[in-house]
Amino acid sequence: MRWVKLLGLFAVLATFLAAGSLPALAASNPKLMKPAALNEQAPATYKAKFTTSKGDFVIEVTRSWAPNGADRFYNLVKNGYFDDCRFFRVISGFMVQFGINGDPALNGIWREARIKDDPVKESNKRGYVTFATAGPNTRTTQIFINYADRNTRLDGMGFAPFGKVIEGMEVVDGLYSGYGEGAPQGSGPDQGLAQTRGNEYLTSQFPNLDFIKSAVILKGEAGKPAQTKPAK
């Protein structure tokens, strides 16, 4: 049953990718209105610091693990896409998911900005960071961080990690999980409504969700291998 629910991780996303029903409003962040222009190649390695309502954590990305995913994540962070995004799906012992923007207009723009799949070179172990997908070549903006080594079963489904949490995994562990699985399987946020209504829906109906205050690329870190211990 758990792995049936796992497939629901992407079922709702797939519905909206196919439906094309998100509103075409004026995005609040002009830099993010043209995804095709945000195509800078990422450094071979880099670190992204996330400041959240629960504390800070740092993701180190290794581009060779999943070049397309690493490039997309780099451009999203660098241009402020994740700022004020909610951790809308947090399931203890499984994973935490984020990447639906608080602005419905941006969700509408980015739903078509799909990137090609990367071969799976690393494993979905605890602390490893991966794009959600709704099928072949459908990755856009949604990310998940694995909570458990048993998520290696995702490897065979095509989920290619591009980075890992190297600092602050205790913060990731502590993100609010009280709402559980999302609708319709559980009582958590409905991804469809999160896409079309953004933070207006998430903050009013799920006020306890933790959120990203800011995400930035750490300066001077490109190309430097991590000297920290892996997530425990």
C-alpha atoms as a PDB file:
ATOM      1  CA  MET A   1       0.000   0.000   0.000  1.00  0.00           C
ATOM      2  CA  ARG A   2       2.877   2.363   0.810  1.00  0.00           C
ATOM      3  CA  TRP A   3       4.232   2.036  -2.715  1.00  0.00           C
ATOM      4  CA  VAL A   4       0.800   2.527  -4.199  1.00  0.00           C
ATOM      5  CA  LYS A   5       0.749   5.836  -2.353  1.00  0.00           C
ATOM      6  CA  LEU A   6       4.261   6.490  -3.590  1.00  0.00           C
ATOM      7  CA  LEU A   7       2.996   6.514  -7.136  1.00  0.00           C
ATOM      8  CA  GLY A   8       0.586   9.239  -5.999  1.00  0.00           C
ATOM      9  CA  LEU A   9       3.697  11.379  -5.485  1.00  0.00           C
ATOM     10  CA  PHE A  10       3.450  12.215  -9.148  1.00  0.00           C
ATOM     11  CA  ALA A  11      -0.077  11.289 -10.237  1.00  0.00           C
ATOM     12  CA  VAL A  12      -1.543  14.711  -9.493  1.00  0.00           C
ATOM     13  CA  LEU A  13       1.427  16.434 -11.104  1.00  0.00           C
ATOM     14  CA  ALA A  14       0.895  14.333 -14.214  1.00  0.00           C
ATOM     15  CA  THR A  15      -2.737  15.406 -14.352  1.00  0.00           C
ATOM     16  CA  PHE A  16      -1.826  19.082 -14.424  1.00  0.00           C
ATOM     17  CA  LEU A  17       0.966  18.636 -16.906  1.00  0.00           C
ATOM     18  CA  ALA A  18      -1.522  17.066 -19.270  1.00  0.00           C
ATOM     19  CA  ALA A  19      -4.501  19.271 -18.543  1.00  0.00           C
ATOM     20  CA  GLY A  20      -2.926  22.648 -19.203  1.00  0.00           C
ATOM     21  CA  SER A  21      -5.500  24.241 -16.922  1.00  0.00           C
ATOM     22  CA  LEU A  22      -3.456  26.599 -14.768  1.00  0.00           C
ATOM     23  CA  PRO A  23      -4.232  30.326 -14.920  1.00  0.00           C
ATOM     24  CA  ALA A  24      -2.208  32.607 -17.166  1.00  0.00           C
ATOM     25  CA  LEU A  25      -1.740  35.536 -14.780  1.00  0.00           C
ATOM     26  CA  ALA A  26       1.066  38.061 -14.506  1.00  0.00           C
ATOM     27  CA  ALA A  27       3.879  36.475 -12.532  1.00  0.00           C
ATOM     28  CA  SER A  28       5.139  38.418  -9.521  1.00  0.00           C
ATOM     29  CA  ASN A  29       8.811  37.714 -10.311  1.00  0.00           C
ATOM     30  CA  PRO A  30       9.710  38.890 -13.844  1.00  0.00           C
ATOM     31  CA  LYS A  31      12.982  36.924 -13.880  1.00  0.00           C
ATOM     32  CA  LEU A  32      11.007  33.705 -13.704  1.00  0.00           C
ATOM     33  CA  MET A  33       8.516  34.454 -16.459  1.00  0.00           C
ATOM     34  CA  LYS A  34      10.701  32.980 -19.224  1.00  0.00           C
ATOM     35  CA  PRO A  35      11.984  29.552 -18.174  1.00  0.00           C
ATOM     36  CA  ALA A  36      13.760  29.014 -21.498  1.00  0.00           C
ATOM     37  CA  ALA A  37      16.032  31.971 -20.748  1.00  0.00           C
ATOM     38  CA  LEU A  38      17.127  30.492 -17.419  1.00  0.00           C
ATOM     39  CA  ASN A  39      19.430  27.899 -18.909  1.00  0.00           C
ATOM     40  CA  GLU A  40      22.832  28.624 -17.402  1.00  0.00           C
ATOM     41  CA  GLN A  41      25.037  25.562 -17.030  1.00  0.00           C
ATOM     42  CA  ALA A  42      25.756  24.841 -13.398  1.00  0.00           C
ATOM     43  CA  PRO A  43      29.270  24.492 -11.975  1.00  0.00           C
ATOM     44  CA  ALA A  44      30.673  20.984 -11.589  1.00  0.00           C
ATOM     45  CA  THR A  45      29.816  21.201  -7.901  1.00  0.00           C
ATOM     46  CA  TYR A  46      27.996  23.871  -5.942  1.00  0.00           C
ATOM     47  CA  LYS A  47      26.126  24.386  -2.694  1.00  0.00           C
ATOM     48  CA  ALA A  48      22.692  25.874  -2.112  1.00  0.00           C
ATOM     49  CA  LYS A  49      21.682  27.191   1.301  1.00  0.00           C
ATOM     50  CA  PHE A  50      18.020  27.029   2.264  1.00  0.00           C
ATOM     51  CA  THR A  51      16.841  29.284   5.084  1.00  0.00           C
ATOM     52  CA  THR A  52      13.493  27.968   6.325  1.00  0.00           C
ATOM     53  CA  SER A  53      10.944  28.560   9.040  1.00  0.00           C
ATOM     54  CA  LYS A  54      12.550  25.653  10.910  1.00  0.00           C
ATOM     55  CA  GLY A  55      16.216  26.524  10.371  1.00  0.00           C
ATOM     56  CA  ASP A  56      18.894  26.219   7.696  1.00  0.00           C
ATOM     57  CA  PHE A  57      20.145  23.359   5.588  1.00  0.00           C
ATOM     58  CA  VAL A  58      22.664  23.081   2.755  1.00  0.00           C
ATOM     59  CA  ILE A  59      22.455  20.937  -0.366  1.00  0.00           C
ATOM     60  CA  GLU A  60      25.607  20.083  -2.275  1.00  0.00           C
ATOM     61  CA  VAL A  61      25.045  19.351  -5.959  1.00  0.00           C
ATOM     62  CA  THR A  62      27.362  17.278  -8.127  1.00  0.00           C
ATOM     63  CA  ARG A  63      26.536  18.008 -11.741  1.00  0.00           C
ATOM     64  CA  SER A  64      27.927  14.745 -13.108  1.00  0.00           C
ATOM     65  CA  TRP A  65      25.306  12.786 -11.150  1.00  0.00           C
ATOM     66  CA  ALA A  66      22.431  14.292 -13.166  1.00  0.00           C
ATOM     67  CA  PRO A  67      23.462  17.223 -15.397  1.00  0.00           C
ATOM     68  CA  ASN A  68      19.985  18.278 -16.531  1.00  0.00           C
ATOM     69  CA  GLY A  69      18.625  18.186 -12.993  1.00  0.00           C
ATOM     70  CA  ALA A  70      21.647  20.003 -11.584  1.00  0.00           C
ATOM     71  CA  ASP A  71      21.332  22.772 -14.171  1.00  0.00           C
ATOM     72  CA  ARG A  72      17.611  23.236 -13.559  1.00  0.00           C
ATOM     73  CA  PHE A  73      18.039  23.337  -9.778  1.00  0.00           C
ATOM     74  CA  TYR A  74      20.879  25.860 -10.122  1.00  0.00           C
ATOM     75  CA  ASN A  75      18.772  28.221 -12.199  1.00  0.00           C
ATOM     76  CA  LEU A  76      15.735  27.878  -9.943  1.00  0.00           C
ATOM     77  CA  VAL A  77      17.731  28.679  -6.817  1.00  0.00           C
ATOM     78  CA  LYS A  78      19.761  31.456  -8.419  1.00  0.00           C
ATOM     79  CA  ASN A  79      16.636  33.239  -9.627  1.00  0.00           C
ATOM     80  CA  GLY A  80      14.613  32.958  -6.439  1.00  0.00           C
ATOM     81  CA  TYR A  81      12.031  30.403  -7.511  1.00  0.00           C
ATOM     82  CA  PHE A  82      11.924  28.582  -4.167  1.00  0.00           C
ATOM     83  CA  ASP A  83      11.594  31.693  -1.983  1.00  0.00           C
ATOM     84  CA  ASP A  84       8.393  31.476   0.084  1.00  0.00           C
ATOM     85  CA  CYS A  85       7.579  27.973  -1.206  1.00  0.00           C
ATOM     86  CA  ARG A  86       5.915  25.583   1.245  1.00  0.00           C
ATOM     87  CA  PHE A  87       7.057  22.085   2.132  1.00  0.00           C
ATOM     88  CA  PHE A  88       3.640  20.859   1.070  1.00  0.00           C
ATOM     89  CA  ARG A  89       4.124  17.105   1.385  1.00  0.00           C
ATOM     90  CA  VAL A  90       6.056  15.775   4.367  1.00  0.00           C
ATOM     91  CA  ILE A  91       5.779  12.072   5.158  1.00  0.00           C
ATOM     92  CA  SER A  92       7.834  10.823   8.095  1.00  0.00           C
ATOM     93  CA  GLY A  93      10.159   8.005   7.182  1.00  0.00           C
ATOM     94  CA  PHE A  94       9.705   8.624   3.453  1.00  0.00           C
ATOM     95  CA  MET A  95      10.420  12.099   2.059  1.00  0.00           C
ATOM     96  CA  VAL A  96       9.690  15.834   2.040  1.00  0.00           C
ATOM     97  CA  GLN A  97       8.529  17.481  -1.184  1.00  0.00           C
ATOM     98  CA  PHE A  98       8.543  21.119  -2.296  1.00  0.00           C
ATOM     99  CA  GLY A  99       8.658  23.185  -5.486  1.00  0.00           C
ATOM    100  CA  ILE A 100       5.089  24.375  -6.073  1.00  0.00           C
ATOM    101  CA  ASN A 101       5.434  28.143  -6.209  1.00  0.00           C
ATOM    102  CA  GLY A 102       3.318  30.435  -4.070  1.00  0.00           C
ATOM    103  CA  ASP A 103       2.360  32.383  -7.198  1.00  0.00           C
ATOM    104  CA  PRO A 104      -0.181  30.493  -9.364  1.00  0.00           C
ATOM    105  CA  ALA A 105       0.986  32.403 -12.421  1.00  0.00           C
ATOM    106  CA  LEU A 106       4.478  30.978 -12.118  1.00  0.00           C
ATOM    107  CA  ASN A 107       3.078  27.483 -11.697  1.00  0.00           C
ATOM    108  CA  GLY A 108       1.248  27.980 -14.969  1.00  0.00           C
ATOM    109  CA  ILE A 109       4.404  29.137 -16.723  1.00  0.00           C
ATOM    110  CA  TRP A 110       6.725  26.441 -15.407  1.00  0.00           C
ATOM    111  CA  ARG A 111       4.436  23.460 -15.942  1.00  0.00           C
ATOM    112  CA  GLU A 112       5.553  23.357 -19.599  1.00  0.00           C
ATOM    113  CA  ALA A 113       9.253  23.863 -18.819  1.00  0.00           C
ATOM    114  CA  ARG A 114      10.151  20.184 -18.789  1.00  0.00           C
ATOM    115  CA  ILE A 115      13.668  18.843 -18.840  1.00  0.00           C
ATOM    116  CA  LYS A 116      14.964  15.591 -20.257  1.00  0.00           C
ATOM    117  CA  ASP A 117      15.626  12.668 -17.975  1.00  0.00           C
ATOM    118  CA  ASP A 118      19.069  11.914 -16.595  1.00  0.00           C
ATOM    119  CA  PRO A 119      20.358   8.363 -16.165  1.00  0.00           C
ATOM    120  CA  VAL A 120      20.248   7.247 -12.538  1.00  0.00           C
ATOM    121  CA  LYS A 121      23.863   7.264 -11.306  1.00  0.00           C
ATOM    122  CA  GLU A 122      23.375   7.750  -7.565  1.00  0.00           C
ATOM    123  CA  SER A 123      20.877   6.168  -5.198  1.00  0.00           C
ATOM    124  CA  ASN A 124      17.890   7.631  -3.356  1.00  0.00           C
ATOM    125  CA  LYS A 125      19.418   7.215   0.071  1.00  0.00           C
ATOM    126  CA  ARG A 126      18.741   9.294   3.152  1.00  0.00           C
ATOM    127  CA  GLY A 127      19.516  12.963   2.519  1.00  0.00           C
ATOM    128  CA  TYR A 128      19.753  12.631  -1.256  1.00  0.00           C
ATOM    129  CA  VAL A 129      17.845  15.174  -3.349  1.00  0.00           C
ATOM    130  CA  THR A 130      15.853  14.293  -6.465  1.00  0.00           C
ATOM    131  CA  PHE A 131      13.341  15.805  -8.888  1.00  0.00           C
ATOM    132  CA  ALA A 132       9.789  14.515  -8.843  1.00  0.00           C
ATOM    133  CA  THR A 133       8.512  13.291 -12.180  1.00  0.00           C
ATOM    134  CA  ALA A 134       5.187  12.451 -13.781  1.00  0.00           C
ATOM    135  CA  GLY A 135       6.698  10.112 -16.347  1.00  0.00           C
ATOM    136  CA  PRO A 136       9.508  10.225 -18.910  1.00  0.00           C
ATOM    137  CA  ASN A 137      10.998  13.692 -19.513  1.00  0.00           C
ATOM    138  CA  THR A 138       8.504  15.575 -17.315  1.00  0.00           C
ATOM    139  CA  ARG A 139      10.667  17.093 -14.571  1.00  0.00           C
ATOM    140  CA  THR A 140       9.932  20.754 -13.909  1.00  0.00           C
ATOM    141  CA  THR A 141      10.306  22.321 -10.430  1.00  0.00           C
ATOM    142  CA  GLN A 142       9.227  19.818  -7.786  1.00  0.00           C
ATOM    143  CA  ILE A 143      11.967  18.361  -5.590  1.00  0.00           C
ATOM    144  CA  PHE A 144      12.042  15.798  -2.821  1.00  0.00           C
ATOM    145  CA  ILE A 145      14.570  14.970  -0.112  1.00  0.00           C
ATOM    146  CA  ASN A 146      14.731  11.338   0.945  1.00  0.00           C
ATOM    147  CA  TYR A 147      14.314  10.504   4.609  1.00  0.00           C
ATOM    148  CA  ALA A 148      15.333   6.841   4.454  1.00  0.00           C
ATOM    149  CA  ASP A 149      17.812   4.532   2.758  1.00  0.00           C
ATOM    150  CA  ARG A 150      14.981   2.184   1.802  1.00  0.00           C
ATOM    151  CA  ASN A 151      13.977   4.748  -0.817  1.00  0.00           C
ATOM    152  CA  THR A 152      16.636   3.168  -3.015  1.00  0.00           C
ATOM    153  CA  ARG A 153      13.697   1.333  -4.548  1.00  0.00           C
ATOM    154  CA  LEU A 154      13.021   4.595  -6.385  1.00  0.00           C
ATOM    155  CA  ASP A 155      16.207   4.141  -8.378  1.00  0.00           C
ATOM    156  CA  GLY A 156      14.592   1.599 -10.667  1.00  0.00           C
ATOM    157  CA  MET A 157      11.722   4.001 -11.354  1.00  0.00           C
ATOM    158  CA  GLY A 158      14.041   6.537 -12.947  1.00  0.00           C
ATOM    159  CA  PHE A 159      14.417   9.045 -10.101  1.00  0.00           C
ATOM    160  CA  ALA A 160      17.937  10.439 -10.475  1.00  0.00           C
ATOM    161  CA  PRO A 161      19.470  12.194  -7.434  1.00  0.00           C
ATOM    162  CA  PHE A 162      21.483  15.297  -8.259  1.00  0.00           C
ATOM    163  CA  GLY A 163      22.646  16.309  -4.787  1.00  0.00           C
ATOM    164  CA  LYS A 164      22.543  15.614  -1.090  1.00  0.00           C
ATOM    165  CA  VAL A 165      21.993  17.462   2.170  1.00  0.00           C
ATOM    166  CA  ILE A 166      25.401  17.976   3.777  1.00  0.00           C
ATOM    167  CA  GLU A 167      24.380  20.318   6.604  1.00  0.00           C
ATOM    168  CA  GLY A 168      21.178  20.665   8.598  1.00  0.00           C
ATOM    169  CA  MET A 169      19.556  17.291   7.988  1.00  0.00           C
ATOM    170  CA  GLU A 170      18.098  17.631  11.473  1.00  0.00           C
ATOM    171  CA  VAL A 171      16.210  20.668  10.160  1.00  0.00           C
ATOM    172  CA  VAL A 172      14.854  18.633   7.248  1.00  0.00           C
ATOM    173  CA  ASP A 173      13.818  15.910   9.703  1.00  0.00           C
ATOM    174  CA  GLY A 174      11.957  18.477  11.794  1.00  0.00           C
ATOM    175  CA  LEU A 175       9.785  19.971   9.039  1.00  0.00           C
ATOM    176  CA  TYR A 176       6.107  19.849   9.972  1.00  0.00           C
ATOM    177  CA  SER A 177       4.599  16.494   8.976  1.00  0.00           C
ATOM    178  CA  GLY A 178       1.305  16.593  10.846  1.00  0.00           C
ATOM    179  CA  TYR A 179      -0.879  16.802   7.746  1.00  0.00           C
ATOM    180  CA  GLY A 180       0.476  13.562   6.323  1.00  0.00           C
ATOM    181  CA  GLU A 181      -0.211  12.401   2.795  1.00  0.00           C
ATOM    182  CA  GLY A 182      -1.820  14.849   0.409  1.00  0.00           C
ATOM    183  CA  ALA A 183      -5.360  14.674  -0.889  1.00  0.00           C
ATOM    184  CA  PRO A 184      -7.060  12.523  -2.022  1.00  0.00           C
ATOM    185  CA  GLN A 185      -5.076   9.759  -0.254  1.00  0.00           C
ATOM    186  CA  GLY A 186      -4.772  11.748   2.962  1.00  0.00           C
ATOM    187  CA  SER A 187      -5.642  14.986   4.722  1.00  0.00           C
ATOM    188  CA  GLY A 188      -2.719  17.043   3.441  1.00  0.00           C
ATOM    189  CA  PRO A 189      -2.745  19.685   0.705  1.00  0.00           C
ATOM    190  CA  ASP A 190      -4.321  18.980  -2.657  1.00  0.00           C
ATOM    191  CA  GLN A 191      -1.580  19.532  -5.234  1.00  0.00           C
ATOM    192  CA  GLY A 192      -4.079  20.705  -7.808  1.00  0.00           C
ATOM    193  CA  LEU A 193      -5.351  23.473  -5.557  1.00  0.00           C
ATOM    194  CA  ALA A 194      -1.814  24.328  -4.524  1.00  0.00           C
ATOM    195  CA  GLN A 195      -0.956  24.793  -8.194  1.00  0.00           C
ATOM    196  CA  THR A 196      -3.954  26.958  -9.053  1.00  0.00           C
ATOM    197  CA  ARG A 197      -4.246  28.968  -5.825  1.00  0.00           C
ATOM    198  CA  GLY A 198      -0.679  28.978  -4.537  1.00  0.00           C
ATOM    199  CA  ASN A 199       0.114  30.216  -1.056  1.00  0.00           C
ATOM    200  CA  GLU A 200      -3.345  31.689  -0.623  1.00  0.00           C
ATOM    201  CA  TYR A 201      -4.619  28.113  -0.377  1.00  0.00           C
ATOM    202  CA  LEU A 202      -1.674  26.621   1.500  1.00  0.00           C
ATOM    203  CA  THR A 203      -1.401  29.304   4.184  1.00  0.00           C
ATOM    204  CA  SER A 204      -5.133  29.525   4.864  1.00  0.00           C
ATOM    205  CA  GLN A 205      -5.888  25.798   4.908  1.00  0.00           C
ATOM    206  CA  PHE A 206      -2.558  24.418   6.167  1.00  0.00           C
ATOM    207  CA  PRO A 207      -1.065  27.134   8.366  1.00  0.00           C
ATOM    208  CA  ASN A 208       1.436  24.827  10.088  1.00  0.00           C
ATOM    209  CA  LEU A 209       3.388  24.008   6.948  1.00  0.00           C
ATOM    210  CA  ASP A 210       7.022  25.013   7.149  1.00  0.00           C
ATOM    211  CA  PHE A 211       8.345  27.102   4.295  1.00  0.00           C
ATOM    212  CA  ILE A 212      11.460  28.371   2.562  1.00  0.00           C
ATOM    213  CA  LYS A 213      12.357  31.939   3.468  1.00  0.00           C
ATOM    214  CA  SER A 214      15.160  32.069   0.925  1.00  0.00           C
ATOM    215  CA  ALA A 215      17.402  29.798  -1.122  1.00  0.00           C
ATOM    216  CA  VAL A 216      20.744  31.003  -2.460  1.00  0.00           C
ATOM    217  CA  ILE A 217      23.815  29.639  -4.219  1.00  0.00           C
ATOM    218  CA  LEU A 218      26.728  29.943  -1.810  1.00  0.00           C
ATOM    219  CA  LYS A 219      29.435  32.147  -3.277  1.00  0.00           C
ATOM    220  CA  GLY A 220      32.938  30.786  -3.627  1.00  0.00           C
ATOM    221  CA  GLU A 221      31.762  27.185  -3.300  1.00  0.00           C
ATOM    222  CA  ALA A 222      31.651  26.184  -6.968  1.00  0.00           C
ATOM    223  CA  GLY A 223      34.015  23.326  -7.715  1.00  0.00           C
ATOM    224  CA  LYS A 224      34.925  22.705  -4.082  1.00  0.00           C
ATOM    225  CA  PRO A 225      34.194  19.166  -2.865  1.00  0.00           C
ATOM    226  CA  ALA A 226      32.352  18.843   0.412  1.00  0.00           C
ATOM    227  CA  GLN A 227      34.423  18.348   3.529  1.00  0.00           C
ATOM    228  CA  THR A 228      31.387  17.637   5.701  1.00  0.00           C
ATOM    229  CA  LYS A 229      29.954  14.329   6.763  1.00  0.00           C
ATOM    230  CA  PRO A 230      26.951  12.912   4.895  1.00  0.00           C
ATOM    231  CA  ALA A 231      23.461  13.163   6.350  1.00  0.00           C
ATOM    232  CA  LYS A 232      22.815  10.856   9.299  1.00  0.00           C
END
